N, C-alpha and C. Protein backbone atom coordinates (compact mmCIF):
# COMPACT_ATOMS: atom_id res chain seq x y z
N MET A 1 -11.69 -68.96 -43.03
CA MET A 1 -10.71 -68.66 -41.87
C MET A 1 -9.86 -67.51 -42.39
N ALA A 2 -9.69 -66.53 -41.57
CA ALA A 2 -8.86 -65.20 -41.98
C ALA A 2 -7.42 -65.64 -41.77
N THR A 3 -6.71 -64.88 -42.87
CA THR A 3 -5.28 -65.22 -42.83
C THR A 3 -4.63 -64.09 -41.85
N CYS A 4 -3.75 -64.46 -41.13
CA CYS A 4 -3.08 -63.70 -40.17
C CYS A 4 -1.89 -62.86 -40.77
N GLN A 5 -1.96 -61.55 -40.77
CA GLN A 5 -1.04 -60.43 -41.16
C GLN A 5 0.24 -60.38 -40.36
N PRO A 6 1.33 -60.35 -40.94
CA PRO A 6 2.62 -60.32 -40.06
C PRO A 6 2.71 -59.11 -39.55
N TYR A 7 3.23 -58.95 -38.22
CA TYR A 7 3.40 -57.69 -37.33
C TYR A 7 4.32 -56.64 -37.92
N ILE A 8 5.28 -57.19 -38.70
CA ILE A 8 6.16 -56.11 -39.35
C ILE A 8 5.93 -56.09 -40.83
N ASP A 9 5.60 -54.99 -41.34
CA ASP A 9 5.38 -54.68 -42.85
C ASP A 9 6.76 -54.48 -43.53
N SER A 10 7.25 -55.56 -44.00
CA SER A 10 8.68 -55.53 -44.64
C SER A 10 8.57 -54.57 -45.77
N GLN A 11 7.74 -54.47 -46.67
CA GLN A 11 7.85 -53.43 -47.66
C GLN A 11 7.92 -51.96 -47.16
N HIS A 12 7.20 -51.70 -46.09
CA HIS A 12 7.27 -50.37 -45.66
C HIS A 12 8.64 -50.01 -45.01
N TRP A 13 9.20 -50.82 -44.44
CA TRP A 13 10.64 -50.53 -43.81
C TRP A 13 11.75 -50.56 -44.97
N MET A 14 11.51 -51.30 -45.91
CA MET A 14 12.45 -51.32 -47.12
C MET A 14 12.30 -49.96 -47.78
N ASP A 15 11.16 -49.40 -47.91
CA ASP A 15 10.94 -48.00 -48.55
C ASP A 15 11.82 -46.88 -47.73
N ARG A 16 11.49 -46.99 -46.35
CA ARG A 16 12.22 -46.04 -45.61
C ARG A 16 13.78 -46.20 -45.69
N LEU A 17 14.16 -47.39 -45.58
CA LEU A 17 15.60 -47.58 -45.68
C LEU A 17 16.19 -47.06 -47.03
N ILE A 18 15.51 -47.29 -48.18
CA ILE A 18 15.88 -46.75 -49.57
C ILE A 18 15.95 -45.16 -49.44
N CYS A 19 15.05 -44.58 -48.73
CA CYS A 19 14.93 -43.25 -48.68
C CYS A 19 16.07 -42.49 -47.85
N CYS A 20 16.46 -43.08 -46.75
CA CYS A 20 17.58 -42.69 -45.96
C CYS A 20 18.92 -42.87 -46.63
N GLN A 21 19.04 -43.91 -47.49
CA GLN A 21 20.27 -44.08 -48.31
C GLN A 21 20.23 -43.01 -49.21
N GLU A 22 19.19 -42.63 -49.96
CA GLU A 22 19.30 -41.49 -50.95
C GLU A 22 19.64 -40.19 -50.21
N HIS A 23 19.09 -39.98 -49.05
CA HIS A 23 19.39 -38.77 -48.38
C HIS A 23 20.75 -38.45 -47.94
N PHE A 24 21.48 -39.71 -47.44
CA PHE A 24 22.85 -39.50 -47.24
C PHE A 24 23.66 -39.38 -48.42
N ALA A 25 23.18 -40.07 -49.61
CA ALA A 25 23.92 -39.96 -50.69
C ALA A 25 23.91 -38.42 -51.35
N MET A 26 22.78 -37.98 -51.06
CA MET A 26 22.77 -36.43 -51.53
C MET A 26 23.67 -35.56 -50.66
N GLN A 27 23.85 -35.97 -49.47
CA GLN A 27 24.56 -35.23 -48.56
C GLN A 27 26.27 -35.13 -48.96
N ARG A 28 26.58 -36.56 -49.52
CA ARG A 28 27.87 -36.72 -49.98
C ARG A 28 28.34 -36.16 -51.11
N THR A 29 27.30 -36.04 -52.09
CA THR A 29 27.48 -35.64 -53.37
C THR A 29 27.17 -33.88 -53.39
N ASN A 30 26.81 -33.33 -52.24
CA ASN A 30 26.56 -32.00 -52.19
C ASN A 30 27.29 -31.19 -51.18
N PRO A 31 28.55 -30.81 -51.60
CA PRO A 31 29.41 -30.34 -50.46
C PRO A 31 28.79 -29.00 -49.99
N LYS A 32 27.99 -28.18 -50.70
CA LYS A 32 27.47 -26.92 -50.20
C LYS A 32 26.61 -27.16 -48.97
N SER A 33 25.75 -28.13 -48.85
CA SER A 33 24.96 -28.50 -47.84
C SER A 33 25.82 -29.04 -46.65
N VAL A 34 26.98 -29.73 -47.00
CA VAL A 34 27.75 -30.34 -45.73
C VAL A 34 28.56 -29.32 -45.17
N ASN A 35 29.06 -28.23 -46.02
CA ASN A 35 30.13 -27.30 -45.57
C ASN A 35 29.57 -25.77 -45.22
N ALA A 36 28.31 -25.79 -45.29
CA ALA A 36 27.73 -24.43 -45.10
C ALA A 36 28.08 -23.74 -43.86
N MET A 37 28.17 -24.28 -42.70
CA MET A 37 28.51 -23.64 -41.54
C MET A 37 30.01 -23.30 -41.47
N SER A 38 30.92 -24.17 -42.17
CA SER A 38 32.18 -24.03 -42.05
C SER A 38 32.61 -22.81 -42.80
N ARG A 39 31.98 -22.62 -44.15
CA ARG A 39 32.14 -21.53 -44.93
C ARG A 39 31.75 -20.22 -44.41
N LEU A 40 30.68 -20.28 -43.66
CA LEU A 40 30.04 -18.99 -43.08
C LEU A 40 31.07 -18.53 -41.92
N PHE A 41 31.59 -19.56 -41.17
CA PHE A 41 32.59 -19.12 -40.05
C PHE A 41 33.82 -18.56 -40.73
N ALA A 42 34.21 -19.11 -41.81
CA ALA A 42 35.56 -18.72 -42.49
C ALA A 42 35.35 -17.29 -43.06
N ARG A 43 34.25 -16.98 -43.53
CA ARG A 43 33.91 -15.64 -44.23
C ARG A 43 33.73 -14.76 -43.06
N THR A 44 33.28 -15.08 -41.91
CA THR A 44 33.27 -14.19 -40.61
C THR A 44 34.63 -13.86 -40.24
N HIS A 45 35.27 -14.88 -40.05
CA HIS A 45 36.83 -14.88 -39.41
C HIS A 45 37.63 -13.84 -40.36
N ARG A 46 37.51 -14.10 -41.65
CA ARG A 46 38.26 -13.15 -42.55
C ARG A 46 37.85 -11.68 -42.41
N LYS A 47 36.59 -11.50 -42.21
CA LYS A 47 36.12 -10.14 -42.01
C LYS A 47 36.65 -9.35 -40.90
N TYR A 48 36.73 -10.24 -39.70
CA TYR A 48 37.31 -9.57 -38.59
C TYR A 48 38.86 -9.23 -38.66
N ILE A 49 39.54 -10.29 -39.42
CA ILE A 49 40.95 -10.01 -39.74
C ILE A 49 41.15 -8.84 -40.35
N LEU A 50 40.42 -8.66 -41.56
CA LEU A 50 40.65 -7.32 -42.47
C LEU A 50 40.28 -6.03 -41.63
N LEU A 51 39.28 -6.23 -40.83
CA LEU A 51 38.83 -4.98 -40.02
C LEU A 51 39.87 -4.65 -38.94
N ALA A 52 40.58 -5.56 -38.27
CA ALA A 52 41.63 -5.26 -37.36
C ALA A 52 42.86 -4.85 -38.14
N LEU A 53 43.24 -5.36 -39.22
CA LEU A 53 44.18 -4.79 -40.04
C LEU A 53 44.07 -3.14 -40.42
N ALA A 54 42.77 -2.98 -40.92
CA ALA A 54 42.47 -1.67 -41.32
C ALA A 54 42.51 -0.70 -40.08
N LEU A 55 42.25 -1.20 -38.87
CA LEU A 55 42.21 -0.33 -37.68
C LEU A 55 43.73 0.03 -37.35
N VAL A 56 44.61 -1.02 -37.50
CA VAL A 56 46.17 -0.71 -37.28
C VAL A 56 46.66 0.14 -38.40
N ALA A 57 46.09 0.14 -39.54
CA ALA A 57 46.83 0.91 -40.53
C ALA A 57 46.35 2.45 -40.22
N VAL A 58 45.21 2.81 -40.04
CA VAL A 58 44.50 3.99 -39.52
C VAL A 58 45.34 4.65 -38.32
N SER A 59 45.45 3.70 -37.39
CA SER A 59 46.25 4.26 -36.13
C SER A 59 47.53 4.62 -36.52
N ALA A 60 48.34 3.78 -37.33
CA ALA A 60 49.69 4.19 -37.70
C ALA A 60 49.78 5.53 -38.58
N LEU A 61 48.74 5.64 -39.37
CA LEU A 61 48.78 6.92 -40.20
C LEU A 61 48.47 8.07 -39.35
N LEU A 62 47.58 8.03 -38.27
CA LEU A 62 47.22 9.01 -37.47
C LEU A 62 48.42 9.41 -36.64
N GLY A 63 49.28 8.23 -36.17
CA GLY A 63 50.30 8.68 -35.29
C GLY A 63 51.38 9.32 -36.08
N LEU A 64 51.61 8.93 -37.35
CA LEU A 64 52.65 9.58 -38.24
C LEU A 64 52.30 10.89 -38.49
N GLY A 65 50.93 11.16 -38.63
CA GLY A 65 50.54 12.62 -39.01
C GLY A 65 50.80 13.55 -37.73
N LEU A 66 50.50 13.01 -36.57
CA LEU A 66 50.67 13.87 -35.38
C LEU A 66 52.20 14.13 -35.07
N TRP A 67 52.79 13.11 -35.37
CA TRP A 67 54.31 13.31 -35.04
C TRP A 67 54.97 14.43 -36.13
N HIS A 68 54.53 14.30 -37.39
CA HIS A 68 55.03 15.15 -38.31
C HIS A 68 54.61 16.69 -38.08
N PHE A 69 53.37 16.74 -37.53
CA PHE A 69 52.82 18.09 -37.16
C PHE A 69 53.43 18.62 -35.98
N HIS A 70 53.96 17.85 -35.01
CA HIS A 70 54.64 18.20 -33.69
C HIS A 70 55.99 18.63 -34.07
N THR A 71 56.65 17.84 -35.00
CA THR A 71 58.13 18.30 -35.45
C THR A 71 58.06 19.60 -36.27
N SER A 72 57.13 19.73 -37.07
CA SER A 72 57.00 20.93 -37.92
C SER A 72 56.63 22.10 -37.35
N THR A 73 56.05 22.08 -36.12
CA THR A 73 55.87 23.27 -35.48
C THR A 73 56.92 23.74 -34.45
N ILE A 74 58.06 22.88 -34.43
CA ILE A 74 59.14 23.16 -33.47
C ILE A 74 60.06 24.05 -34.36
N ALA A 75 60.48 25.21 -34.02
CA ALA A 75 61.39 25.86 -34.70
C ALA A 75 62.86 25.36 -34.50
N PRO A 76 63.80 25.66 -35.44
CA PRO A 76 65.12 25.09 -35.08
C PRO A 76 65.71 25.79 -33.94
N GLY A 77 65.63 26.92 -33.66
CA GLY A 77 66.07 27.86 -32.49
C GLY A 77 65.62 27.08 -31.13
N ASP A 78 64.13 26.54 -31.08
CA ASP A 78 63.77 26.11 -30.08
C ASP A 78 64.46 24.80 -29.54
N GLY A 79 64.83 23.96 -30.60
CA GLY A 79 65.71 22.76 -30.39
C GLY A 79 66.99 23.09 -29.62
N ALA A 80 67.49 24.11 -30.11
CA ALA A 80 69.04 24.55 -29.72
C ALA A 80 68.82 25.13 -28.31
N ALA A 81 67.69 25.77 -28.06
CA ALA A 81 67.46 26.34 -26.72
C ALA A 81 67.28 25.15 -25.63
N VAL A 82 66.51 24.19 -26.09
CA VAL A 82 66.42 22.97 -25.23
C VAL A 82 67.63 22.31 -24.85
N GLY A 83 68.43 22.23 -25.99
CA GLY A 83 69.78 21.48 -25.76
C GLY A 83 70.72 22.34 -24.70
N ASN A 84 70.68 23.71 -24.90
CA ASN A 84 71.44 24.51 -24.02
C ASN A 84 71.04 24.51 -22.67
N SER A 85 69.66 24.57 -22.31
CA SER A 85 69.12 24.43 -21.10
C SER A 85 69.40 23.13 -20.34
N SER A 86 69.50 22.07 -21.11
CA SER A 86 69.94 20.83 -20.71
C SER A 86 71.41 20.64 -20.24
N GLY A 87 72.19 21.20 -21.30
CA GLY A 87 73.51 21.45 -20.88
C GLY A 87 73.79 22.14 -19.74
N ILE A 88 73.25 23.53 -19.61
CA ILE A 88 73.42 24.31 -18.41
C ILE A 88 73.15 23.45 -17.16
N GLY A 89 72.06 22.93 -17.11
CA GLY A 89 71.57 22.11 -15.89
C GLY A 89 72.60 20.98 -15.56
N VAL A 90 73.23 20.18 -16.55
CA VAL A 90 74.34 19.36 -16.11
C VAL A 90 75.40 20.12 -15.51
N LEU A 91 75.79 21.06 -16.24
CA LEU A 91 77.09 21.83 -15.82
C LEU A 91 76.98 22.40 -14.39
N SER A 92 75.77 23.02 -14.23
CA SER A 92 75.47 23.54 -12.91
C SER A 92 75.56 22.61 -11.78
N GLY A 93 75.07 21.36 -11.96
CA GLY A 93 75.01 20.41 -11.11
C GLY A 93 76.41 19.79 -10.77
N LEU A 94 77.31 19.90 -11.67
CA LEU A 94 78.61 19.46 -11.71
C LEU A 94 79.36 20.41 -10.82
N ALA A 95 79.21 21.83 -11.19
CA ALA A 95 79.91 22.91 -10.44
C ALA A 95 79.52 22.97 -9.04
N GLU A 96 78.16 22.56 -8.78
CA GLU A 96 77.85 22.70 -7.22
C GLU A 96 78.42 21.48 -6.50
N THR A 97 78.54 20.26 -7.13
CA THR A 97 79.27 19.15 -6.51
C THR A 97 80.73 19.56 -6.34
N ALA A 98 81.44 20.30 -7.29
CA ALA A 98 82.81 20.62 -7.04
C ALA A 98 82.91 21.60 -5.95
N PHE A 99 81.83 22.46 -5.78
CA PHE A 99 81.98 23.61 -4.77
C PHE A 99 81.82 22.84 -3.49
N ARG A 100 81.11 21.89 -3.22
CA ARG A 100 80.77 21.18 -1.94
C ARG A 100 82.22 20.47 -1.62
N ASP A 101 82.96 19.95 -2.63
CA ASP A 101 84.12 19.26 -2.53
C ASP A 101 85.33 20.27 -2.34
N HIS A 102 85.15 21.51 -2.46
CA HIS A 102 86.20 22.48 -2.24
C HIS A 102 87.19 22.30 -3.59
N HIS A 103 86.69 22.06 -4.55
CA HIS A 103 87.41 22.00 -6.04
C HIS A 103 87.20 23.31 -6.71
N LEU A 104 87.76 24.33 -6.28
CA LEU A 104 87.56 25.67 -6.87
C LEU A 104 88.09 25.87 -8.25
N VAL A 105 89.40 25.48 -8.34
CA VAL A 105 90.16 25.59 -9.59
C VAL A 105 90.85 24.31 -10.09
N ALA A 106 90.91 23.57 -9.27
CA ALA A 106 91.56 22.15 -9.24
C ALA A 106 90.68 21.00 -8.76
N PRO A 107 90.85 19.79 -9.41
CA PRO A 107 91.74 19.38 -10.43
C PRO A 107 91.27 19.79 -11.75
N GLU A 108 92.21 19.83 -12.73
CA GLU A 108 91.89 20.14 -14.10
C GLU A 108 90.76 19.28 -14.65
N GLY A 109 89.79 20.23 -15.26
CA GLY A 109 88.67 19.42 -16.01
C GLY A 109 87.55 19.15 -14.94
N SER A 110 87.60 19.31 -13.68
CA SER A 110 86.49 18.93 -12.78
C SER A 110 86.59 19.97 -11.51
N ASN A 111 86.43 21.17 -11.80
CA ASN A 111 86.49 22.19 -10.88
C ASN A 111 85.27 23.24 -11.11
N LEU A 112 85.00 24.08 -10.05
CA LEU A 112 84.04 24.98 -10.00
C LEU A 112 84.05 25.95 -11.19
N TYR A 113 85.33 26.45 -11.21
CA TYR A 113 85.49 27.59 -12.24
C TYR A 113 85.26 27.04 -13.62
N GLU A 114 85.86 25.91 -14.13
CA GLU A 114 85.61 25.55 -15.25
C GLU A 114 84.34 25.07 -15.68
N PHE A 115 83.65 24.54 -14.78
CA PHE A 115 82.19 24.24 -14.95
C PHE A 115 81.30 25.54 -15.18
N TYR A 116 81.53 26.54 -14.21
CA TYR A 116 80.67 27.84 -14.28
C TYR A 116 81.03 28.57 -15.54
N LEU A 117 82.29 28.64 -15.75
CA LEU A 117 82.80 29.44 -17.03
C LEU A 117 82.11 28.88 -18.35
N SER A 118 81.91 27.34 -18.50
CA SER A 118 81.30 26.81 -19.42
C SER A 118 79.93 27.12 -19.43
N VAL A 119 79.23 27.26 -18.38
CA VAL A 119 77.81 27.81 -18.04
C VAL A 119 77.66 29.24 -18.76
N LEU A 120 78.67 30.00 -18.43
CA LEU A 120 78.49 31.39 -18.92
C LEU A 120 78.77 31.64 -20.38
N ALA A 121 79.38 30.48 -20.96
CA ALA A 121 79.53 30.56 -22.37
C ALA A 121 78.31 30.12 -23.11
N LEU A 122 77.42 29.41 -22.50
CA LEU A 122 76.18 29.14 -23.10
C LEU A 122 75.15 30.17 -22.57
N ASP A 123 75.22 30.70 -21.37
CA ASP A 123 74.25 31.80 -20.95
C ASP A 123 75.15 32.83 -20.23
N PRO A 124 75.59 33.95 -20.83
CA PRO A 124 76.39 34.84 -20.26
C PRO A 124 75.90 35.52 -19.08
N HIS A 125 74.46 35.64 -18.95
CA HIS A 125 73.84 36.23 -17.69
C HIS A 125 73.23 35.26 -16.86
N ASN A 126 73.89 34.08 -16.66
CA ASN A 126 73.29 33.11 -15.63
C ASN A 126 73.57 33.63 -14.34
N LYS A 127 72.55 33.65 -13.62
CA LYS A 127 72.69 34.44 -12.41
C LYS A 127 73.37 33.43 -11.15
N GLN A 128 72.87 32.17 -11.29
CA GLN A 128 73.66 31.16 -10.39
C GLN A 128 75.19 31.11 -10.69
N ALA A 129 75.57 31.16 -11.87
CA ALA A 129 76.96 31.03 -12.13
C ALA A 129 77.74 32.25 -11.75
N LEU A 130 77.23 33.42 -12.03
CA LEU A 130 77.86 34.66 -11.68
C LEU A 130 77.97 34.93 -10.14
N GLU A 131 76.93 34.51 -9.51
CA GLU A 131 76.99 34.69 -7.98
C GLU A 131 77.92 33.63 -7.35
N ARG A 132 77.99 32.43 -7.95
CA ARG A 132 78.84 31.51 -7.20
C ARG A 132 80.46 31.82 -7.58
N LEU A 133 80.62 32.31 -8.79
CA LEU A 133 82.03 32.61 -9.24
C LEU A 133 82.46 33.89 -8.41
N HIS A 134 81.52 34.77 -8.12
CA HIS A 134 81.96 35.99 -7.56
C HIS A 134 82.17 35.60 -6.02
N ALA A 135 81.37 34.74 -5.40
CA ALA A 135 81.60 34.41 -4.11
C ALA A 135 82.89 33.36 -3.81
N SER A 136 83.32 32.80 -4.86
CA SER A 136 84.36 32.02 -4.74
C SER A 136 85.62 32.45 -5.17
N PHE A 137 85.74 33.83 -5.65
CA PHE A 137 86.89 34.13 -6.17
C PHE A 137 87.99 34.42 -5.18
N GLU A 138 87.70 35.00 -3.99
CA GLU A 138 88.75 35.03 -3.01
C GLU A 138 89.34 33.76 -2.57
N PRO A 139 88.51 32.76 -2.29
CA PRO A 139 88.88 31.53 -1.76
C PRO A 139 89.91 30.98 -3.05
N ALA A 140 89.45 31.21 -4.21
CA ALA A 140 90.13 30.66 -5.40
C ALA A 140 91.49 31.32 -5.50
N CYS A 141 91.50 32.53 -5.13
CA CYS A 141 92.92 33.24 -5.27
C CYS A 141 93.77 32.68 -4.40
N ARG A 142 93.46 32.47 -3.17
CA ARG A 142 94.41 31.82 -2.10
C ARG A 142 94.67 30.42 -2.50
N VAL A 143 93.88 29.76 -3.12
CA VAL A 143 94.27 28.37 -3.67
C VAL A 143 95.40 28.43 -4.53
N VAL A 144 95.37 29.56 -5.56
CA VAL A 144 96.46 29.77 -6.47
C VAL A 144 97.63 30.24 -5.74
N GLU A 145 97.60 30.95 -4.83
CA GLU A 145 98.75 31.47 -3.99
C GLU A 145 99.53 30.33 -3.52
N LEU A 146 98.88 29.34 -2.84
CA LEU A 146 99.35 28.28 -2.21
C LEU A 146 99.99 27.40 -3.23
N THR A 147 99.45 27.27 -4.49
CA THR A 147 100.03 26.40 -5.45
C THR A 147 101.30 27.11 -6.03
N ILE A 148 101.44 28.31 -6.05
CA ILE A 148 102.62 29.07 -6.51
C ILE A 148 103.65 28.93 -5.36
N ALA A 149 103.27 28.91 -4.09
CA ALA A 149 104.17 28.75 -2.96
C ALA A 149 104.80 27.39 -2.94
N LYS A 150 104.19 26.27 -3.47
CA LYS A 150 104.48 24.91 -3.20
C LYS A 150 105.50 24.73 -4.38
N GLY A 151 105.68 25.66 -5.44
CA GLY A 151 106.61 25.53 -6.53
C GLY A 151 105.73 24.87 -7.62
N ASP A 152 104.52 24.58 -7.59
CA ASP A 152 103.88 23.90 -8.68
C ASP A 152 103.50 24.98 -9.74
N LEU A 153 104.35 25.44 -10.50
CA LEU A 153 104.15 26.74 -11.30
C LEU A 153 103.23 26.51 -12.47
N ASP A 154 103.57 25.38 -13.06
CA ASP A 154 102.71 25.13 -14.34
C ASP A 154 101.23 24.88 -13.93
N GLU A 155 100.89 24.37 -12.89
CA GLU A 155 99.63 24.14 -12.36
C GLU A 155 99.04 25.48 -11.80
N ALA A 156 99.93 26.27 -11.24
CA ALA A 156 99.50 27.60 -10.89
C ALA A 156 99.10 28.47 -11.98
N GLU A 157 99.89 28.34 -13.04
CA GLU A 157 99.59 28.95 -14.47
C GLU A 157 98.15 28.64 -14.87
N ARG A 158 97.87 27.52 -14.85
CA ARG A 158 96.49 26.90 -15.22
C ARG A 158 95.58 27.50 -14.43
N GLU A 159 95.55 27.44 -13.13
CA GLU A 159 94.56 27.97 -12.25
C GLU A 159 94.37 29.45 -12.40
N LEU A 160 95.50 30.28 -12.51
CA LEU A 160 95.39 31.63 -12.77
C LEU A 160 94.78 31.94 -13.94
N ARG A 161 94.79 31.14 -14.87
CA ARG A 161 94.21 31.49 -16.35
C ARG A 161 92.69 31.42 -16.20
N LEU A 162 92.20 30.52 -15.22
CA LEU A 162 90.72 30.48 -15.05
C LEU A 162 90.35 31.83 -14.43
N LEU A 163 91.11 32.20 -13.33
CA LEU A 163 90.70 33.48 -12.73
C LEU A 163 90.84 34.81 -13.62
N ARG A 164 91.67 34.51 -14.76
CA ARG A 164 91.73 35.78 -15.61
C ARG A 164 90.56 35.63 -16.61
N ASP A 165 90.25 34.45 -16.91
CA ASP A 165 88.96 34.33 -17.89
C ASP A 165 87.69 34.98 -17.09
N TYR A 166 87.56 34.54 -15.73
CA TYR A 166 86.40 35.10 -15.21
C TYR A 166 86.50 36.64 -15.02
N GLY A 167 87.76 37.28 -14.71
CA GLY A 167 87.88 38.69 -14.53
C GLY A 167 87.70 39.40 -15.79
N THR A 168 88.11 38.71 -16.94
CA THR A 168 87.85 39.27 -18.28
C THR A 168 86.29 39.51 -18.68
N GLN A 169 85.54 38.42 -18.25
CA GLN A 169 84.09 38.63 -18.41
C GLN A 169 83.53 39.47 -17.63
N GLN A 170 83.80 39.64 -16.38
CA GLN A 170 83.19 40.63 -15.35
C GLN A 170 83.65 42.04 -15.66
N ASP A 171 84.98 42.15 -15.95
CA ASP A 171 85.53 43.55 -16.11
C ASP A 171 85.66 44.14 -14.70
N ALA A 172 85.96 43.47 -13.65
CA ALA A 172 86.00 44.20 -12.24
C ALA A 172 87.41 44.38 -12.07
N GLU A 173 87.62 45.79 -11.67
CA GLU A 173 89.02 46.30 -11.40
C GLU A 173 89.64 45.48 -10.31
N SER A 174 88.92 45.35 -9.15
CA SER A 174 89.45 44.83 -7.90
C SER A 174 89.85 43.22 -8.20
N ASP A 175 88.89 42.57 -8.97
CA ASP A 175 89.23 41.24 -9.44
C ASP A 175 90.55 41.27 -10.20
N SER A 176 90.53 42.15 -11.24
CA SER A 176 91.81 42.23 -12.14
C SER A 176 93.07 42.52 -11.41
N TYR A 177 92.93 43.32 -10.44
CA TYR A 177 94.05 43.68 -9.61
C TYR A 177 94.73 42.47 -8.94
N LYS A 178 93.81 41.76 -8.30
CA LYS A 178 94.29 40.76 -7.42
C LYS A 178 94.89 39.57 -8.43
N VAL A 179 94.33 39.50 -9.68
CA VAL A 179 94.95 38.50 -10.55
C VAL A 179 96.07 38.96 -11.13
N SER A 180 96.27 40.25 -11.30
CA SER A 180 97.56 40.80 -11.73
C SER A 180 98.65 40.71 -10.58
N LEU A 181 98.37 40.79 -9.26
CA LEU A 181 99.27 40.49 -8.17
C LEU A 181 99.71 38.89 -8.13
N LEU A 182 98.80 38.14 -8.28
CA LEU A 182 99.07 36.74 -8.63
C LEU A 182 100.09 36.56 -9.73
N GLY A 183 99.84 37.04 -10.88
CA GLY A 183 100.71 36.93 -12.08
C GLY A 183 102.07 37.34 -11.75
N SER A 184 102.20 38.49 -10.96
CA SER A 184 103.39 38.96 -10.69
C SER A 184 104.19 37.97 -9.70
N TYR A 185 103.50 37.56 -8.74
CA TYR A 185 104.08 36.52 -7.80
C TYR A 185 104.47 35.38 -8.56
N LEU A 186 103.63 34.82 -9.43
CA LEU A 186 104.11 33.76 -10.29
C LEU A 186 105.23 34.01 -11.18
N TYR A 187 105.38 35.23 -11.75
CA TYR A 187 106.56 35.49 -12.64
C TYR A 187 107.77 35.36 -11.68
N ALA A 188 107.70 36.07 -10.51
CA ALA A 188 108.87 36.17 -9.62
C ALA A 188 109.32 34.62 -9.14
N GLN A 189 108.36 33.98 -9.10
CA GLN A 189 108.76 32.55 -8.65
C GLN A 189 109.38 31.74 -9.72
N ARG A 190 108.89 32.07 -10.79
CA ARG A 190 109.53 31.36 -11.98
C ARG A 190 111.06 31.95 -12.34
N SER A 191 111.10 33.28 -12.05
CA SER A 191 112.52 33.90 -12.01
C SER A 191 113.44 33.14 -11.09
N VAL A 192 112.85 32.88 -9.77
CA VAL A 192 113.71 32.31 -8.70
C VAL A 192 114.08 31.04 -9.14
N VAL A 193 113.25 30.18 -9.85
CA VAL A 193 113.41 28.76 -10.29
C VAL A 193 114.49 28.95 -11.32
N THR A 194 114.43 29.72 -12.37
CA THR A 194 115.17 29.87 -13.35
C THR A 194 116.62 30.08 -12.86
N ARG A 195 116.75 30.96 -11.82
CA ARG A 195 118.16 31.49 -11.49
C ARG A 195 118.82 30.13 -10.69
N LYS A 196 117.82 29.56 -9.85
CA LYS A 196 118.26 28.35 -9.22
C LYS A 196 118.82 27.24 -10.24
N HIS A 197 118.11 27.03 -11.31
CA HIS A 197 118.64 26.06 -12.28
C HIS A 197 119.80 26.44 -13.02
N GLU A 198 119.96 27.75 -13.32
CA GLU A 198 121.29 28.37 -13.83
C GLU A 198 122.35 28.10 -12.94
N ALA A 199 122.25 28.45 -11.47
CA ALA A 199 123.19 28.22 -10.42
C ALA A 199 123.57 26.73 -10.63
N GLU A 200 122.66 25.88 -10.44
CA GLU A 200 122.96 24.43 -10.47
C GLU A 200 123.78 23.88 -11.76
N ALA A 201 123.37 24.52 -12.80
CA ALA A 201 124.05 24.14 -14.18
C ALA A 201 125.40 24.74 -14.00
N LEU A 202 125.68 25.94 -13.45
CA LEU A 202 126.94 26.36 -13.36
C LEU A 202 127.89 25.67 -12.45
N GLN A 203 127.41 25.16 -11.27
CA GLN A 203 128.04 24.38 -10.51
C GLN A 203 128.43 23.04 -11.03
N ILE A 204 127.63 22.49 -11.72
CA ILE A 204 127.94 21.11 -12.54
C ILE A 204 129.00 21.45 -13.55
N GLN A 205 128.93 22.40 -14.26
CA GLN A 205 129.98 22.77 -15.11
C GLN A 205 131.33 23.04 -14.51
N GLU A 206 131.35 23.67 -13.42
CA GLU A 206 132.55 23.94 -12.75
C GLU A 206 133.23 22.70 -12.16
N ARG A 207 132.31 21.76 -11.74
CA ARG A 207 132.94 20.31 -11.14
C ARG A 207 133.50 19.70 -12.22
N GLN A 208 132.82 19.62 -13.42
CA GLN A 208 133.35 18.90 -14.54
C GLN A 208 134.71 19.55 -15.03
N SER A 209 134.81 20.87 -15.15
CA SER A 209 136.05 21.53 -15.27
C SER A 209 137.17 21.15 -14.37
N ALA A 210 136.97 21.05 -13.15
CA ALA A 210 137.88 20.82 -12.11
C ALA A 210 138.25 19.41 -12.15
N SER A 211 137.50 18.48 -12.52
CA SER A 211 137.87 17.14 -12.76
C SER A 211 138.63 16.81 -13.94
N SER A 212 138.28 17.56 -14.92
CA SER A 212 139.12 17.44 -16.17
C SER A 212 140.50 17.95 -16.10
N SER A 213 140.58 19.06 -15.32
CA SER A 213 141.94 19.70 -15.23
C SER A 213 142.93 18.81 -14.42
N HIS A 214 142.38 17.72 -13.45
CA HIS A 214 143.32 16.89 -12.79
C HIS A 214 143.56 15.73 -13.64
């Protein structure tokens, strides 16, 4: 009578179990096989970082070189010319605003003549400044005349000085003649004021003398 063999071969499964245990033990004791992918990723990541840093450094050096080339090709006189052009534009804009507001010689520091005379100091042949000052000369003379008539003689002296500065630059006889007339008018008014003050002082002195005699 034949002997029945068991359905499960216990020795075969035992050998396979031992083989699996040995395989897992080799993985635990061999870090290279376990961390191969992580090391590969780390190396690739470092390569990209180094490449990005190199590109940034090259861009910075190129930018510095271009800036140095640009600044080295600009002559010192060119920089001054650019500054003068910018200043002339600002002063001309302020002068035109003063013209629209009818501020020809006043108020001090913010009038057409002061602004455009400053423009001529930077550019003696500035066409816009010369034309506007010439066209505004007669109205400005009337303003000075009214200031003298009101008795504001110090202000009139300041305004008249602006017209003298313009006349000196243009060397126009007619303008110089008008400025001279205004100067004479101002001097006459100062003389009137001086005599008035002297008369007032004399009256005060006489009253004081009369009161002390009593």
